[in-house]
N, C-alpha and C. Protein backbone atom coordinates (compact mmCIF):
# COMPACT_ATOMS: atom_id res chain seq x y z
N MET A 1 -18.18 -0.59 8.33
CA MET A 1 -19.12 -0.86 7.26
C MET A 1 -18.63 -2.06 6.45
N LEU A 2 -19.53 -2.97 6.17
CA LEU A 2 -19.20 -4.18 5.45
C LEU A 2 -19.42 -4.01 3.94
N THR A 3 -18.64 -4.72 3.19
CA THR A 3 -18.83 -4.73 1.75
C THR A 3 -20.02 -5.65 1.43
N ALA A 4 -20.53 -5.58 0.24
CA ALA A 4 -21.62 -6.43 -0.17
C ALA A 4 -21.21 -7.91 -0.09
N GLU A 5 -19.96 -8.20 -0.44
CA GLU A 5 -19.47 -9.57 -0.38
C GLU A 5 -19.43 -10.10 1.06
N GLN A 6 -18.97 -9.22 1.98
CA GLN A 6 -18.93 -9.60 3.39
C GLN A 6 -20.33 -9.85 3.94
N GLU A 7 -21.27 -9.01 3.57
CA GLU A 7 -22.65 -9.19 4.02
C GLU A 7 -23.22 -10.50 3.49
N ALA A 8 -22.90 -10.85 2.27
CA ALA A 8 -23.37 -12.11 1.70
C ALA A 8 -22.78 -13.30 2.44
N VAL A 9 -21.52 -13.23 2.82
CA VAL A 9 -20.87 -14.29 3.54
C VAL A 9 -21.51 -14.43 4.91
N LEU A 10 -21.76 -13.30 5.59
CA LEU A 10 -22.41 -13.37 6.90
C LEU A 10 -23.79 -13.99 6.81
N ARG A 11 -24.55 -13.64 5.78
CA ARG A 11 -25.87 -14.26 5.61
C ARG A 11 -25.74 -15.77 5.46
N SER A 12 -24.76 -16.21 4.68
CA SER A 12 -24.54 -17.65 4.47
C SER A 12 -24.15 -18.34 5.78
N ILE A 13 -23.28 -17.70 6.54
CA ILE A 13 -22.87 -18.27 7.81
C ILE A 13 -24.03 -18.39 8.77
N LYS A 14 -24.87 -17.31 8.83
CA LYS A 14 -26.04 -17.33 9.73
C LYS A 14 -27.01 -18.44 9.30
N LYS A 15 -27.21 -18.65 8.02
CA LYS A 15 -28.06 -19.71 7.53
C LYS A 15 -27.51 -21.08 7.95
N LEU A 16 -26.21 -21.26 7.83
CA LEU A 16 -25.58 -22.52 8.24
C LEU A 16 -25.72 -22.75 9.74
N LEU A 17 -25.56 -21.68 10.53
CA LEU A 17 -25.70 -21.80 11.98
C LEU A 17 -27.11 -22.22 12.33
N ASP A 18 -28.11 -21.57 11.67
CA ASP A 18 -29.50 -21.91 11.91
C ASP A 18 -29.80 -23.33 11.50
N PHE A 19 -29.33 -23.71 10.32
CA PHE A 19 -29.61 -25.05 9.81
C PHE A 19 -29.05 -26.14 10.73
N TRP A 20 -27.82 -25.96 11.17
CA TRP A 20 -27.17 -26.95 12.02
C TRP A 20 -27.42 -26.70 13.49
N GLN A 21 -28.21 -25.71 13.79
CA GLN A 21 -28.57 -25.35 15.19
C GLN A 21 -27.32 -25.20 16.07
N ILE A 22 -26.39 -24.40 15.59
CA ILE A 22 -25.15 -24.14 16.31
C ILE A 22 -25.29 -22.75 16.93
N SER A 23 -24.99 -22.67 18.24
CA SER A 23 -25.09 -21.39 18.93
C SER A 23 -23.72 -20.72 18.93
N PRO A 24 -23.71 -19.41 19.12
CA PRO A 24 -22.41 -18.70 19.22
C PRO A 24 -21.53 -19.25 20.34
N ASP A 25 -22.17 -19.74 21.45
CA ASP A 25 -21.38 -20.32 22.55
C ASP A 25 -20.59 -21.55 22.08
N GLU A 26 -21.19 -22.32 21.20
CA GLU A 26 -20.52 -23.52 20.73
C GLU A 26 -19.30 -23.18 19.84
N LEU A 27 -19.32 -21.97 19.31
CA LEU A 27 -18.21 -21.53 18.48
C LEU A 27 -17.08 -20.96 19.34
N GLY A 28 -17.40 -20.72 20.62
CA GLY A 28 -16.39 -20.18 21.50
C GLY A 28 -16.32 -18.68 21.49
N ILE A 29 -17.39 -18.05 20.98
CA ILE A 29 -17.47 -16.60 20.98
C ILE A 29 -18.80 -16.20 21.54
N GLU A 30 -18.83 -15.00 22.14
CA GLU A 30 -20.08 -14.50 22.67
C GLU A 30 -20.91 -13.91 21.56
N GLU A 31 -22.21 -13.91 21.71
CA GLU A 31 -23.10 -13.38 20.69
C GLU A 31 -22.85 -11.92 20.41
N SER A 32 -22.48 -11.18 21.48
CA SER A 32 -22.29 -9.73 21.30
C SER A 32 -20.90 -9.38 20.78
N THR A 33 -20.02 -10.39 20.70
CA THR A 33 -18.66 -10.14 20.26
C THR A 33 -18.66 -9.83 18.75
N THR A 34 -18.08 -8.74 18.42
CA THR A 34 -17.93 -8.38 17.01
C THR A 34 -16.48 -8.36 16.69
N ILE A 35 -16.13 -9.08 15.68
CA ILE A 35 -14.73 -9.09 15.20
C ILE A 35 -14.62 -8.14 14.05
N VAL A 36 -13.83 -7.09 14.23
CA VAL A 36 -13.65 -6.11 13.20
C VAL A 36 -12.19 -6.06 12.82
N ARG A 37 -11.95 -6.25 11.58
CA ARG A 37 -10.57 -6.15 11.08
C ARG A 37 -10.46 -4.88 10.26
N LYS A 38 -9.55 -4.06 10.68
CA LYS A 38 -9.37 -2.81 9.97
C LYS A 38 -8.36 -3.05 8.84
N ALA A 39 -8.65 -2.44 7.71
CA ALA A 39 -7.74 -2.55 6.60
C ALA A 39 -6.46 -1.85 6.93
N GLU A 40 -5.36 -2.44 6.50
CA GLU A 40 -4.06 -1.81 6.70
C GLU A 40 -4.01 -0.51 5.89
N PRO A 41 -3.60 0.57 6.48
CA PRO A 41 -3.51 1.80 5.70
C PRO A 41 -2.38 1.66 4.69
N PRO A 42 -2.57 2.24 3.52
CA PRO A 42 -1.51 2.12 2.51
C PRO A 42 -0.26 2.83 3.03
N PRO A 43 0.91 2.34 2.58
CA PRO A 43 2.13 2.99 3.05
C PRO A 43 2.16 4.43 2.55
N PRO A 44 2.80 5.31 3.30
CA PRO A 44 2.89 6.69 2.86
C PRO A 44 3.63 6.75 1.54
N PRO A 45 3.26 7.69 0.67
CA PRO A 45 3.98 7.81 -0.59
C PRO A 45 5.45 8.11 -0.36
N ALA A 46 6.28 7.36 -1.09
CA ALA A 46 7.73 7.58 -0.95
C ALA A 46 8.11 8.85 -1.67
N GLY A 47 8.90 9.63 -1.04
CA GLY A 47 9.41 10.86 -1.66
C GLY A 47 10.47 10.53 -2.69
N PRO A 48 10.91 11.50 -3.41
CA PRO A 48 11.96 11.24 -4.40
C PRO A 48 13.27 10.85 -3.73
N LYS A 49 13.95 9.91 -4.36
CA LYS A 49 15.24 9.46 -3.86
C LYS A 49 16.37 9.96 -4.74
N TYR A 50 16.02 10.38 -5.95
CA TYR A 50 17.03 10.84 -6.89
C TYR A 50 16.58 12.13 -7.52
N GLN A 51 17.52 13.04 -7.76
CA GLN A 51 17.21 14.32 -8.39
C GLN A 51 18.35 14.76 -9.28
N HIS A 52 17.96 15.23 -10.48
CA HIS A 52 18.96 15.73 -11.42
C HIS A 52 19.43 17.10 -10.86
N PRO A 53 20.74 17.28 -10.74
CA PRO A 53 21.27 18.54 -10.16
C PRO A 53 20.92 19.80 -10.97
N ARG A 54 20.82 19.67 -12.28
CA ARG A 54 20.55 20.87 -13.10
C ARG A 54 19.09 21.06 -13.40
N THR A 55 18.39 19.99 -13.79
CA THR A 55 16.98 20.15 -14.22
C THR A 55 16.02 20.07 -13.05
N GLY A 56 16.41 19.46 -11.95
CA GLY A 56 15.53 19.32 -10.81
C GLY A 56 14.53 18.15 -10.93
N GLU A 57 14.57 17.39 -12.01
CA GLU A 57 13.68 16.24 -12.17
C GLU A 57 13.98 15.24 -11.07
N THR A 58 12.93 14.56 -10.61
CA THR A 58 13.07 13.60 -9.52
C THR A 58 12.51 12.24 -9.88
N TRP A 59 12.95 11.23 -9.09
CA TRP A 59 12.46 9.86 -9.24
C TRP A 59 12.47 9.23 -7.88
N ASN A 60 11.41 8.46 -7.53
CA ASN A 60 11.33 7.84 -6.22
C ASN A 60 12.05 6.51 -6.14
N GLY A 61 12.62 6.05 -7.20
CA GLY A 61 13.37 4.77 -7.19
C GLY A 61 12.52 3.55 -7.42
N GLU A 62 11.23 3.73 -7.62
CA GLU A 62 10.34 2.59 -7.84
C GLU A 62 9.98 2.50 -9.32
N GLY A 63 9.82 1.28 -9.80
CA GLY A 63 9.49 1.09 -11.20
C GLY A 63 10.70 1.25 -12.08
N SER A 64 10.47 1.36 -13.37
CA SER A 64 11.62 1.51 -14.28
C SER A 64 12.18 2.91 -14.21
N GLN A 65 13.45 2.99 -14.54
CA GLN A 65 14.14 4.29 -14.50
C GLN A 65 13.54 5.23 -15.53
N PRO A 66 13.30 6.46 -15.17
CA PRO A 66 12.84 7.43 -16.16
C PRO A 66 13.98 7.77 -17.14
N PRO A 67 13.61 8.25 -18.31
CA PRO A 67 14.65 8.57 -19.31
C PRO A 67 15.71 9.55 -18.80
N TRP A 68 15.29 10.55 -17.99
CA TRP A 68 16.26 11.52 -17.56
C TRP A 68 17.38 10.93 -16.72
N ILE A 69 17.06 9.91 -15.90
CA ILE A 69 18.10 9.32 -15.07
C ILE A 69 19.03 8.43 -15.88
N ARG A 70 18.48 7.70 -16.88
CA ARG A 70 19.33 6.90 -17.75
C ARG A 70 20.28 7.80 -18.51
N GLU A 71 19.76 8.93 -19.01
CA GLU A 71 20.60 9.84 -19.77
C GLU A 71 21.66 10.47 -18.86
N ALA A 72 21.29 10.84 -17.64
CA ALA A 72 22.26 11.44 -16.74
C ALA A 72 23.39 10.45 -16.40
N LEU A 73 23.06 9.20 -16.28
CA LEU A 73 24.06 8.19 -15.95
C LEU A 73 24.92 7.79 -17.14
N THR A 74 24.30 7.65 -18.29
CA THR A 74 25.06 7.14 -19.46
C THR A 74 25.68 8.22 -20.33
N LYS A 75 24.97 9.34 -20.50
CA LYS A 75 25.48 10.34 -21.44
C LYS A 75 26.09 11.58 -20.74
N GLU A 76 25.56 11.89 -19.56
CA GLU A 76 26.04 13.12 -18.91
C GLU A 76 27.12 12.87 -17.89
N GLY A 77 27.42 11.59 -17.60
CA GLY A 77 28.55 11.25 -16.74
C GLY A 77 28.26 11.33 -15.23
N TYR A 78 27.04 11.45 -14.82
CA TYR A 78 26.73 11.50 -13.40
C TYR A 78 26.81 10.10 -12.84
N THR A 79 27.11 9.99 -11.54
CA THR A 79 27.06 8.72 -10.83
C THR A 79 25.75 8.62 -10.05
N VAL A 80 25.37 7.44 -9.63
CA VAL A 80 24.16 7.24 -8.85
C VAL A 80 24.25 8.07 -7.56
N ASP A 81 25.42 8.05 -6.93
CA ASP A 81 25.60 8.79 -5.69
C ASP A 81 25.41 10.31 -5.90
N GLU A 82 25.78 10.83 -7.06
CA GLU A 82 25.59 12.25 -7.31
C GLU A 82 24.12 12.60 -7.51
N LEU A 83 23.32 11.63 -7.95
CA LEU A 83 21.88 11.89 -8.18
C LEU A 83 21.03 11.56 -6.97
N ARG A 84 21.58 10.80 -6.02
CA ARG A 84 20.80 10.36 -4.84
C ARG A 84 20.63 11.54 -3.89
N LEU A 85 19.41 11.72 -3.42
CA LEU A 85 19.11 12.73 -2.39
C LEU A 85 19.43 12.20 -1.01
N SER A 86 19.96 13.06 -0.16
CA SER A 86 20.25 12.59 1.20
C SER A 86 19.00 12.33 2.00
N THR A 87 18.01 13.19 1.93
CA THR A 87 16.71 13.00 2.58
C THR A 87 15.59 13.25 1.58
N PRO A 88 14.80 12.25 1.29
CA PRO A 88 13.69 12.44 0.34
C PRO A 88 12.72 13.52 0.78
N ALA A 89 12.26 14.32 -0.17
CA ALA A 89 11.28 15.35 0.09
C ALA A 89 9.96 14.89 -0.55
N PRO A 90 8.94 14.51 0.26
CA PRO A 90 7.72 13.89 -0.26
C PRO A 90 6.89 14.74 -1.21
N GLU A 91 7.12 16.01 -1.27
CA GLU A 91 6.28 16.86 -2.12
C GLU A 91 6.68 16.88 -3.60
N GLN A 92 7.82 16.24 -3.94
CA GLN A 92 8.28 16.34 -5.31
C GLN A 92 8.41 15.00 -6.03
N VAL A 93 7.47 14.11 -5.89
CA VAL A 93 7.52 12.80 -6.51
C VAL A 93 7.12 12.90 -7.98
N SER A 94 7.93 12.28 -8.87
CA SER A 94 7.52 12.22 -10.27
C SER A 94 7.84 10.88 -10.88
């Protein structure tokens, strides 16, 4: 299914082809050939990469650090390695 913008572009192209009397053969494509570009699927959501050992709060490592991780690193004495999960679990992203 085409978007309204794509349909408008196709109409413009068809008008130009008609005006200049250009056939699909001259373009090097067959009339029945349809070029369809599928949108890239979005990447799967990243699971949490870090988790607080006591509170269970998680962070996926994207964007700015949440307050709990800053506090765990600066005030509670945890290291990044202690907060890093070995295998992210996709159901607990926060």
